[in-house]
N, C-alpha and C. Protein backbone atom coordinates (compact mmCIF):
# COMPACT_ATOMS: atom_id res chain seq x y z
N MET A 1 152.05 76.12 94.12
CA MET A 1 153.34 75.92 94.74
C MET A 1 153.23 76.01 96.25
N ASN A 2 152.37 76.89 96.74
CA ASN A 2 152.20 77.02 98.18
C ASN A 2 151.62 75.76 98.79
N ASP A 3 150.68 75.16 98.10
CA ASP A 3 150.07 73.93 98.61
C ASP A 3 151.08 72.79 98.66
N SER A 4 151.91 72.71 97.67
CA SER A 4 152.90 71.63 97.66
C SER A 4 153.95 71.86 98.75
N PHE A 5 154.32 73.12 98.96
CA PHE A 5 155.27 73.43 100.03
C PHE A 5 154.68 73.10 101.40
N ALA A 6 153.44 73.50 101.63
CA ALA A 6 152.77 73.22 102.89
C ALA A 6 152.64 71.73 103.11
N LYS A 7 152.32 70.96 102.04
CA LYS A 7 152.19 69.50 102.15
C LYS A 7 153.53 68.87 102.48
N ALA A 8 154.61 69.34 101.85
CA ALA A 8 155.94 68.80 102.12
C ALA A 8 156.37 69.11 103.56
N PHE A 9 156.05 70.31 104.00
CA PHE A 9 156.40 70.69 105.37
C PHE A 9 155.64 69.82 106.37
N GLN A 10 154.39 69.61 106.15
CA GLN A 10 153.58 68.77 107.04
C GLN A 10 154.09 67.33 107.04
N ASP A 11 154.48 66.85 105.89
CA ASP A 11 155.01 65.48 105.82
C ASP A 11 156.31 65.36 106.62
N GLN A 12 157.17 66.36 106.50
CA GLN A 12 158.43 66.33 107.24
C GLN A 12 158.19 66.44 108.75
N MET A 13 157.26 67.26 109.15
CA MET A 13 156.94 67.40 110.58
C MET A 13 156.34 66.10 111.13
N ALA A 14 155.53 65.45 110.33
CA ALA A 14 154.95 64.18 110.76
C ALA A 14 156.03 63.12 110.89
N ALA A 15 156.97 63.10 109.96
CA ALA A 15 158.08 62.14 110.02
C ALA A 15 158.94 62.40 111.24
N ALA A 16 159.23 63.67 111.51
CA ALA A 16 160.03 64.02 112.68
C ALA A 16 159.30 63.65 113.95
N GLY A 17 158.00 63.90 114.00
CA GLY A 17 157.20 63.55 115.18
C GLY A 17 157.19 62.07 115.44
N SER A 18 157.05 61.27 114.37
CA SER A 18 157.04 59.82 114.58
C SER A 18 158.43 59.32 114.98
N ALA A 19 159.48 59.98 114.51
CA ALA A 19 160.84 59.58 114.90
C ALA A 19 161.07 59.88 116.38
N PHE A 20 160.60 61.05 116.82
CA PHE A 20 160.80 61.41 118.22
C PHE A 20 159.89 60.61 119.14
N SER A 21 158.74 60.19 118.64
CA SER A 21 157.85 59.41 119.49
C SER A 21 158.44 58.04 119.79
N LYS A 22 159.29 57.56 118.91
CA LYS A 22 159.95 56.26 119.13
C LYS A 22 161.14 56.40 120.07
N PHE A 23 161.66 57.63 120.18
CA PHE A 23 162.82 57.88 121.04
C PHE A 23 162.36 57.96 122.49
N GLU A 24 163.00 57.21 123.35
CA GLU A 24 162.65 57.25 124.76
C GLU A 24 163.87 57.71 125.54
N MET A 25 163.64 58.67 126.42
CA MET A 25 164.72 59.22 127.21
C MET A 25 165.09 58.21 128.30
N PRO A 26 166.39 58.04 128.55
CA PRO A 26 166.80 57.12 129.63
C PRO A 26 166.26 57.61 130.97
N ALA A 27 165.97 56.67 131.86
CA ALA A 27 165.36 56.97 133.16
C ALA A 27 166.16 57.96 133.98
N PRO A 28 167.51 57.85 134.10
CA PRO A 28 168.25 58.83 134.91
C PRO A 28 168.09 60.26 134.38
N PHE A 29 168.09 60.43 133.06
CA PHE A 29 167.91 61.77 132.49
C PHE A 29 166.50 62.28 132.74
N LYS A 30 165.54 61.37 132.62
CA LYS A 30 164.15 61.74 132.85
C LYS A 30 163.95 62.18 134.30
N ASP A 31 164.53 61.41 135.25
CA ASP A 31 164.44 61.76 136.68
C ASP A 31 165.11 63.10 136.95
N MET A 32 166.28 63.28 136.33
CA MET A 32 167.01 64.53 136.54
C MET A 32 166.20 65.72 135.98
N ALA A 33 165.59 65.54 134.84
CA ALA A 33 164.78 66.60 134.25
C ALA A 33 163.56 66.91 135.12
N GLU A 34 162.91 65.89 135.64
CA GLU A 34 161.75 66.10 136.50
C GLU A 34 162.15 66.80 137.80
N LYS A 35 163.29 66.40 138.38
CA LYS A 35 163.77 67.06 139.60
C LYS A 35 164.12 68.51 139.32
N SER A 36 164.70 68.77 138.16
CA SER A 36 165.05 70.15 137.80
C SER A 36 163.81 71.00 137.66
N VAL A 37 162.79 70.45 137.05
CA VAL A 37 161.53 71.19 136.89
C VAL A 37 160.90 71.46 138.26
N LEU A 38 160.87 70.44 139.12
CA LEU A 38 160.30 70.63 140.46
C LEU A 38 161.11 71.65 141.26
N ASN A 39 162.44 71.59 141.14
CA ASN A 39 163.30 72.53 141.85
C ASN A 39 163.07 73.95 141.33
N ALA A 40 162.99 74.10 140.02
CA ALA A 40 162.74 75.42 139.43
C ALA A 40 161.38 75.95 139.87
N ARG A 41 160.37 75.08 139.89
CA ARG A 41 159.03 75.49 140.33
C ARG A 41 159.06 75.94 141.80
N GLY A 42 159.77 75.19 142.64
CA GLY A 42 159.88 75.56 144.05
C GLY A 42 160.61 76.87 144.24
N ASN A 43 161.70 77.07 143.49
CA ASN A 43 162.44 78.33 143.57
C ASN A 43 161.59 79.50 143.09
N TYR A 44 160.79 79.28 142.06
CA TYR A 44 159.90 80.32 141.57
C TYR A 44 158.90 80.71 142.65
N GLU A 45 158.31 79.72 143.32
CA GLU A 45 157.33 80.00 144.37
C GLU A 45 157.97 80.80 145.51
N LYS A 46 159.21 80.42 145.88
CA LYS A 46 159.91 81.16 146.94
C LYS A 46 160.17 82.60 146.51
N PHE A 47 160.63 82.75 145.27
CA PHE A 47 160.90 84.08 144.75
C PHE A 47 159.63 84.92 144.70
N LYS A 48 158.54 84.31 144.26
CA LYS A 48 157.27 85.01 144.17
C LYS A 48 156.80 85.46 145.56
N ALA A 49 156.92 84.57 146.54
CA ALA A 49 156.52 84.92 147.91
C ALA A 49 157.39 86.05 148.45
N ALA A 50 158.70 85.98 148.19
CA ALA A 50 159.59 87.04 148.67
C ALA A 50 159.27 88.37 147.98
N ALA A 51 158.97 88.33 146.70
CA ALA A 51 158.63 89.56 145.97
C ALA A 51 157.33 90.16 146.51
N GLU A 52 156.34 89.33 146.79
CA GLU A 52 155.08 89.83 147.33
C GLU A 52 155.29 90.42 148.72
N GLN A 53 156.12 89.77 149.52
CA GLN A 53 156.40 90.27 150.87
C GLN A 53 157.14 91.61 150.79
N THR A 54 158.11 91.70 149.90
CA THR A 54 158.86 92.94 149.73
C THR A 54 157.95 94.06 149.24
N SER A 55 157.07 93.74 148.31
CA SER A 55 156.14 94.74 147.80
C SER A 55 155.23 95.26 148.92
N GLY A 56 154.73 94.36 149.73
CA GLY A 56 153.89 94.76 150.86
C GLY A 56 154.65 95.62 151.86
N MET A 57 155.90 95.24 152.13
CA MET A 57 156.72 95.99 153.07
C MET A 57 156.98 97.41 152.56
N ILE A 58 157.28 97.53 151.27
CA ILE A 58 157.53 98.84 150.69
C ILE A 58 156.26 99.68 150.72
N GLU A 59 155.14 99.06 150.43
CA GLU A 59 153.86 99.77 150.47
C GLU A 59 153.57 100.28 151.88
N ASP A 60 153.79 99.44 152.88
CA ASP A 60 153.57 99.86 154.28
C ASP A 60 154.50 101.01 154.65
N SER A 61 155.75 100.90 154.24
CA SER A 61 156.73 101.93 154.57
C SER A 61 156.37 103.26 153.92
N CYS A 62 155.98 103.22 152.65
CA CYS A 62 155.61 104.45 151.94
C CYS A 62 154.34 105.06 152.53
N SER A 63 153.40 104.22 152.89
CA SER A 63 152.16 104.71 153.50
C SER A 63 152.46 105.41 154.82
N SER A 64 153.30 104.78 155.62
CA SER A 64 153.67 105.37 156.91
C SER A 64 154.42 106.69 156.70
N ALA A 65 155.31 106.72 155.72
CA ALA A 65 156.06 107.95 155.45
C ALA A 65 155.14 109.06 154.98
N ALA A 66 154.18 108.74 154.13
CA ALA A 66 153.24 109.75 153.63
C ALA A 66 152.41 110.33 154.77
N LYS A 67 151.95 109.48 155.67
CA LYS A 67 151.19 109.97 156.83
C LYS A 67 152.06 110.86 157.70
N GLY A 68 153.30 110.44 157.88
CA GLY A 68 154.23 111.21 158.71
C GLY A 68 154.54 112.57 158.10
N VAL A 69 154.75 112.61 156.80
CA VAL A 69 155.03 113.89 156.13
C VAL A 69 153.83 114.82 156.25
N ALA A 70 152.64 114.27 156.12
CA ALA A 70 151.44 115.10 156.27
C ALA A 70 151.35 115.66 157.69
N GLU A 71 151.64 114.82 158.68
CA GLU A 71 151.63 115.27 160.08
C GLU A 71 152.68 116.36 160.30
N TYR A 72 153.88 116.17 159.72
CA TYR A 72 154.96 117.14 159.85
C TYR A 72 154.55 118.47 159.21
N ASN A 73 153.92 118.40 158.04
CA ASN A 73 153.48 119.62 157.37
C ASN A 73 152.43 120.37 158.18
N VAL A 74 151.50 119.64 158.77
CA VAL A 74 150.48 120.28 159.61
C VAL A 74 151.14 120.99 160.80
N LYS A 75 152.08 120.31 161.44
CA LYS A 75 152.77 120.91 162.59
C LYS A 75 153.56 122.14 162.15
N SER A 76 154.22 122.07 160.99
CA SER A 76 154.97 123.22 160.47
C SER A 76 154.05 124.41 160.21
N LEU A 77 152.88 124.14 159.66
CA LEU A 77 151.93 125.23 159.41
C LEU A 77 151.40 125.83 160.72
N GLU A 78 151.20 125.00 161.72
CA GLU A 78 150.77 125.51 163.03
C GLU A 78 151.84 126.43 163.61
N ILE A 79 153.09 126.01 163.50
CA ILE A 79 154.20 126.83 164.02
C ILE A 79 154.29 128.13 163.24
N LEU A 80 154.15 128.05 161.92
CA LEU A 80 154.20 129.26 161.09
C LEU A 80 153.09 130.23 161.50
N ARG A 81 151.88 129.71 161.68
CA ARG A 81 150.76 130.56 162.08
C ARG A 81 151.03 131.22 163.44
N THR A 82 151.56 130.45 164.38
CA THR A 82 151.88 130.98 165.70
C THR A 82 152.91 132.10 165.60
N ASN A 83 153.96 131.88 164.79
CA ASN A 83 155.02 132.88 164.65
C ASN A 83 154.53 134.14 163.93
N ILE A 84 153.68 133.98 162.95
CA ILE A 84 153.13 135.15 162.24
C ILE A 84 152.24 135.96 163.17
N ASN A 85 151.40 135.27 163.94
CA ASN A 85 150.55 135.99 164.91
C ASN A 85 151.40 136.71 165.94
N SER A 86 152.47 136.09 166.37
CA SER A 86 153.37 136.73 167.34
C SER A 86 154.02 137.97 166.73
N ALA A 87 154.42 137.88 165.47
CA ALA A 87 155.04 139.03 164.81
C ALA A 87 154.04 140.18 164.67
N PHE A 88 152.80 139.86 164.30
CA PHE A 88 151.79 140.92 164.19
C PHE A 88 151.51 141.56 165.55
N ASP A 89 151.43 140.74 166.58
CA ASP A 89 151.21 141.28 167.94
C ASP A 89 152.38 142.18 168.34
N PHE A 90 153.60 141.76 168.00
CA PHE A 90 154.77 142.56 168.33
C PHE A 90 154.73 143.90 167.61
N PHE A 91 154.45 143.89 166.31
CA PHE A 91 154.40 145.14 165.56
C PHE A 91 153.31 146.07 166.09
N ALA A 92 152.19 145.50 166.47
CA ALA A 92 151.11 146.32 167.03
C ALA A 92 151.55 146.96 168.35
N SER A 93 152.26 146.19 169.17
CA SER A 93 152.71 146.74 170.46
C SER A 93 153.80 147.80 170.26
N VAL A 94 154.69 147.60 169.29
CA VAL A 94 155.73 148.60 169.01
C VAL A 94 155.11 149.89 168.49
N LEU A 95 154.11 149.76 167.64
CA LEU A 95 153.45 150.95 167.09
C LEU A 95 152.70 151.74 168.17
N SER A 96 152.29 151.03 169.21
CA SER A 96 151.57 151.74 170.28
C SER A 96 152.50 152.15 171.42
N ALA A 97 153.81 151.95 171.25
CA ALA A 97 154.77 152.34 172.30
C ALA A 97 154.78 153.86 172.45
N LYS A 98 154.93 154.30 173.70
CA LYS A 98 154.86 155.73 174.01
C LYS A 98 156.22 156.41 173.88
N SER A 99 157.31 155.58 173.92
CA SER A 99 158.64 156.16 173.82
C SER A 99 159.59 155.17 173.14
N PRO A 100 160.72 155.68 172.67
CA PRO A 100 161.69 154.77 172.05
C PRO A 100 162.22 153.72 173.03
N SER A 101 162.40 154.09 174.28
CA SER A 101 162.89 153.11 175.26
C SER A 101 161.88 151.99 175.47
N GLU A 102 160.60 152.33 175.46
CA GLU A 102 159.57 151.31 175.58
C GLU A 102 159.59 150.39 174.35
N ALA A 103 159.82 150.94 173.17
CA ALA A 103 159.89 150.15 171.94
C ALA A 103 161.09 149.19 171.99
N VAL A 104 162.22 149.67 172.51
CA VAL A 104 163.41 148.82 172.63
C VAL A 104 163.14 147.71 173.64
N GLU A 105 162.51 148.06 174.76
CA GLU A 105 162.17 147.06 175.77
C GLU A 105 161.22 146.00 175.20
N LEU A 106 160.20 146.43 174.44
CA LEU A 106 159.29 145.49 173.79
C LEU A 106 160.03 144.60 172.79
N SER A 107 160.94 145.20 172.05
CA SER A 107 161.72 144.45 171.07
C SER A 107 162.60 143.41 171.75
N THR A 108 163.27 143.77 172.82
CA THR A 108 164.12 142.84 173.56
C THR A 108 163.30 141.70 174.14
N SER A 109 162.17 142.03 174.71
CA SER A 109 161.29 141.02 175.28
C SER A 109 160.78 140.07 174.19
N HIS A 110 160.39 140.64 173.04
CA HIS A 110 159.89 139.82 171.94
C HIS A 110 160.99 138.89 171.41
N LEU A 111 162.19 139.41 171.25
CA LEU A 111 163.30 138.58 170.76
C LEU A 111 163.58 137.42 171.72
N ARG A 112 163.58 137.69 173.02
CA ARG A 112 163.82 136.64 174.01
C ARG A 112 162.72 135.57 173.92
N THR A 113 161.48 136.02 173.84
CA THR A 113 160.34 135.10 173.76
C THR A 113 160.41 134.28 172.46
N GLN A 114 160.73 134.94 171.37
CA GLN A 114 160.82 134.24 170.08
C GLN A 114 161.97 133.24 170.07
N TYR A 115 163.09 133.59 170.71
CA TYR A 115 164.22 132.66 170.77
C TYR A 115 163.83 131.40 171.54
N GLU A 116 163.18 131.58 172.68
CA GLU A 116 162.73 130.43 173.47
C GLU A 116 161.69 129.61 172.71
N SER A 117 160.79 130.32 172.04
CA SER A 117 159.76 129.64 171.26
C SER A 117 160.40 128.86 170.11
N LEU A 118 161.39 129.46 169.44
CA LEU A 118 162.08 128.79 168.34
C LEU A 118 162.79 127.52 168.82
N GLN A 119 163.40 127.58 169.98
CA GLN A 119 164.06 126.40 170.54
C GLN A 119 163.04 125.28 170.77
N ALA A 120 161.92 125.62 171.37
CA ALA A 120 160.88 124.62 171.65
C ALA A 120 160.31 124.06 170.35
N GLN A 121 160.07 124.92 169.38
CA GLN A 121 159.53 124.47 168.10
C GLN A 121 160.52 123.56 167.37
N THR A 122 161.79 123.90 167.43
CA THR A 122 162.82 123.08 166.78
C THR A 122 162.88 121.70 167.43
N LYS A 123 162.82 121.66 168.75
CA LYS A 123 162.82 120.37 169.44
C LYS A 123 161.59 119.54 169.05
N GLU A 124 160.45 120.21 168.99
CA GLU A 124 159.20 119.53 168.65
C GLU A 124 159.25 118.96 167.23
N LEU A 125 159.72 119.76 166.27
CA LEU A 125 159.82 119.29 164.89
C LEU A 125 160.87 118.19 164.74
N SER A 126 161.95 118.32 165.48
CA SER A 126 163.00 117.30 165.44
C SER A 126 162.49 115.97 165.98
N ALA A 127 161.77 116.02 167.09
CA ALA A 127 161.21 114.79 167.66
C ALA A 127 160.18 114.17 166.72
N LEU A 128 159.39 115.00 166.08
CA LEU A 128 158.39 114.51 165.13
C LEU A 128 159.08 113.86 163.92
N ALA A 129 160.13 114.49 163.42
CA ALA A 129 160.86 113.93 162.27
C ALA A 129 161.49 112.59 162.64
N GLN A 130 162.04 112.50 163.84
CA GLN A 130 162.63 111.24 164.29
C GLN A 130 161.56 110.16 164.42
N LYS A 131 160.41 110.52 164.95
CA LYS A 131 159.30 109.58 165.08
C LYS A 131 158.85 109.08 163.70
N ILE A 132 158.74 110.00 162.76
CA ILE A 132 158.33 109.62 161.40
C ILE A 132 159.35 108.69 160.76
N ALA A 133 160.62 109.00 160.92
CA ALA A 133 161.66 108.15 160.34
C ALA A 133 161.63 106.76 160.96
N THR A 134 161.43 106.69 162.26
CA THR A 134 161.36 105.40 162.94
C THR A 134 160.15 104.60 162.47
N GLU A 135 159.00 105.25 162.43
CA GLU A 135 157.78 104.55 162.01
C GLU A 135 157.85 104.12 160.54
N SER A 136 158.47 104.94 159.71
CA SER A 136 158.57 104.61 158.28
C SER A 136 159.53 103.45 158.03
N SER A 137 160.56 103.36 158.84
CA SER A 137 161.54 102.29 158.64
C SER A 137 161.16 101.01 159.38
N GLU A 138 160.16 101.08 160.23
CA GLU A 138 159.75 99.90 161.01
C GLU A 138 159.36 98.71 160.14
N PRO A 139 158.55 98.88 159.08
CA PRO A 139 158.22 97.71 158.25
C PRO A 139 159.46 97.08 157.61
N ILE A 140 160.41 97.91 157.20
CA ILE A 140 161.64 97.39 156.59
C ILE A 140 162.45 96.64 157.64
N LYS A 141 162.56 97.22 158.82
CA LYS A 141 163.32 96.58 159.90
C LYS A 141 162.68 95.25 160.29
N ALA A 142 161.36 95.22 160.41
CA ALA A 142 160.66 93.99 160.79
C ALA A 142 160.85 92.92 159.72
N ALA A 143 160.77 93.31 158.45
CA ALA A 143 160.96 92.33 157.38
C ALA A 143 162.38 91.80 157.36
N ALA A 144 163.35 92.68 157.60
CA ALA A 144 164.75 92.24 157.61
C ALA A 144 164.99 91.28 158.77
N GLU A 145 164.45 91.59 159.94
CA GLU A 145 164.61 90.69 161.09
C GLU A 145 163.95 89.35 160.81
N LYS A 146 162.78 89.37 160.21
CA LYS A 146 162.06 88.14 159.89
C LYS A 146 162.84 87.31 158.88
N THR A 147 163.45 87.98 157.91
CA THR A 147 164.20 87.29 156.87
C THR A 147 165.50 86.71 157.39
N PHE A 148 166.24 87.47 158.18
CA PHE A 148 167.57 87.03 158.60
C PHE A 148 167.58 86.25 159.90
N ARG A 149 166.51 86.29 160.67
CA ARG A 149 166.46 85.54 161.93
C ARG A 149 166.58 84.04 161.68
N PRO A 150 165.84 83.45 160.72
CA PRO A 150 165.99 82.02 160.50
C PRO A 150 167.37 81.62 160.03
N ALA A 151 168.06 82.53 159.34
CA ALA A 151 169.39 82.21 158.84
C ALA A 151 170.44 82.20 159.95
N ALA A 152 170.18 82.91 161.03
CA ALA A 152 171.18 83.01 162.09
C ALA A 152 171.22 81.79 162.98
């Protein structure tokens, strides 16, 4: 039964194939179909190029951000080390103070120095963060300008 079914199916497919081979599409429909295929192929190529460009831009941006975050972390650790060393130096000087008034004077001096140091460190970290943000967004900005400039 399977062989007869397969033979009948093949016969029907052959009959359908010969019927369609005799059918000829009118020229305007054929031209329209060919233009549609060419247009779809062109749109696909444009989309593919845009996707590759976007992928590259995102990769550049992420790479720049990763380098910036590493730089920021290194600077933060340097600041932390500086502040810890300053605290240890302060405690050592307070422990060696000869009188309570000298300890208060050392404490006041240390607080003033630390406040000024904190201001400078905050400015430095803020400038670094701004630089990182600018550098990380530069590939995106350049791609957007490149994309929208021809349209304007």
